[in-house]
Amino acid sequence: MAVVIRLKRMGSHKKPFYRLVAADSRCRRDGRFIEELGFYNPLTVPHKLEVKKDNLMKWLRDGAQLSDTVKGLVKPLGILKEFHEEKVEKAKKAKA
């Protein structure tokens, strides 16, 4: 089962908000998901993004892939950089 972290669209017509979810890649966009990891509201000024960082890092460590949109949203938060540094440190320790 390939797990992907993506946005699930919610809200009413022309008033969307999104949930960040970990889901099986075979499931529909708004269908079943494994775990909710946060939410994104593009209608507020500035846009509101809340992420459960610990849970997101857990899924990344387990091999989940980020969708392109989610990658663009969480990149300014520094989560991807932190994950990369953690991965590099782990590789250095394994090599030594």
Protein backbone atom coordinates (compact mmCIF):
# COMPACT_ATOMS: atom_id res chain seq x y z
CA MET A 1 0.00 0.00 0.00
CA ALA A 2 1.50 3.33 -1.07
CA VAL A 3 0.64 6.16 1.30
CA VAL A 4 0.40 9.69 0.02
CA ILE A 5 -0.09 12.90 1.99
CA ARG A 6 -2.54 15.07 0.11
CA LEU A 7 -5.37 17.57 0.45
CA LYS A 8 -8.97 16.51 0.96
CA ARG A 9 -11.43 19.19 -0.23
CA MET A 10 -14.21 20.14 2.12
CA GLY A 11 -16.57 23.07 2.54
CA SER A 12 -19.43 24.32 0.43
CA HIS A 13 -19.66 25.55 -3.14
CA LYS A 14 -17.07 28.28 -3.80
CA LYS A 15 -15.99 28.22 -0.13
CA PRO A 16 -13.44 25.45 0.06
CA PHE A 17 -11.09 24.49 2.84
CA TYR A 18 -8.83 21.50 2.86
CA ARG A 19 -7.64 18.85 5.27
CA LEU A 20 -4.15 17.40 5.04
CA VAL A 21 -4.57 13.65 5.19
CA ALA A 22 -2.49 10.52 4.88
CA ALA A 23 -4.34 8.25 2.48
CA ASP A 24 -3.86 5.16 0.37
CA SER A 25 -2.88 6.36 -3.10
CA ARG A 26 -5.64 4.25 -4.65
CA CYS A 27 -8.43 6.02 -2.72
CA ARG A 28 -10.38 8.93 -4.16
CA ARG A 29 -9.36 12.51 -3.37
CA ASP A 30 -12.25 13.09 -0.97
CA GLY A 31 -12.62 9.45 0.00
CA ARG A 32 -11.26 7.29 2.77
CA PHE A 33 -8.10 8.32 4.57
CA ILE A 34 -5.86 6.88 7.26
CA GLU A 35 -5.12 9.92 9.44
CA GLU A 36 -5.83 13.65 9.47
CA LEU A 37 -2.61 15.67 9.70
CA GLY A 38 -3.87 19.26 9.66
CA PHE A 39 -5.87 21.73 7.61
CA TYR A 40 -5.47 24.54 5.09
CA ASN A 41 -7.85 27.45 4.56
CA PRO A 42 -7.01 29.47 1.42
CA LEU A 43 -9.87 31.96 1.90
CA THR A 44 -8.49 33.74 4.97
CA VAL A 45 -5.99 36.56 4.64
CA PRO A 46 -3.26 35.44 5.15
CA HIS A 47 -3.88 31.79 4.30
CA LYS A 48 -4.17 29.59 7.37
CA LEU A 49 -2.21 26.35 7.52
CA GLU A 50 -2.00 24.15 10.60
CA VAL A 51 -0.02 20.93 10.57
CA LYS A 52 0.48 18.25 13.22
CA LYS A 53 4.24 18.24 12.75
CA ASP A 54 4.96 15.09 14.77
CA ASN A 55 2.42 13.03 12.85
CA LEU A 56 3.61 14.36 9.50
CA MET A 57 7.23 13.52 10.33
CA LYS A 58 6.15 10.01 11.41
CA TRP A 59 4.50 9.41 8.03
CA LEU A 60 7.50 10.78 6.14
CA ARG A 61 9.81 8.44 8.09
CA ASP A 62 7.53 5.53 7.17
CA GLY A 63 7.88 6.36 3.47
CA ALA A 64 4.78 8.40 2.66
CA GLN A 65 5.03 10.65 -0.38
CA LEU A 66 3.88 14.28 -0.42
CA SER A 67 1.69 15.55 -3.23
CA ASP A 68 3.14 18.51 -5.14
CA THR A 69 0.61 20.92 -3.60
CA VAL A 70 1.28 19.76 -0.04
CA LYS A 71 5.03 19.94 -0.66
CA GLY A 72 4.64 23.58 -1.69
CA LEU A 73 2.53 24.36 1.38
CA VAL A 74 4.78 22.79 4.01
CA LYS A 75 8.13 23.83 2.51
CA PRO A 76 8.08 27.33 4.14
CA LEU A 77 7.43 25.69 7.54
CA GLY A 78 10.83 23.98 7.43
CA ILE A 79 9.45 20.49 7.92
CA LEU A 80 11.06 19.10 4.77
CA LYS A 81 14.43 20.58 5.68
CA GLU A 82 14.23 19.07 9.15
CA PHE A 83 13.29 15.68 7.67
CA HIS A 84 16.21 15.84 5.23
CA GLU A 85 18.69 16.75 7.98
CA GLU A 86 17.40 13.89 10.13
CA LYS A 87 17.86 11.50 7.21
CA VAL A 88 21.43 12.73 6.58
CA GLU A 89 22.35 12.33 10.26
CA LYS A 90 20.95 8.81 10.28
CA ALA A 91 22.99 7.93 7.17
CA LYS A 92 26.18 9.35 8.76
CA LYS A 93 25.66 7.27 11.92
CA ALA A 94 25.03 4.13 9.88
CA LYS A 95 28.15 4.73 7.83
CA ALA A 96 30.42 5.32 10.84
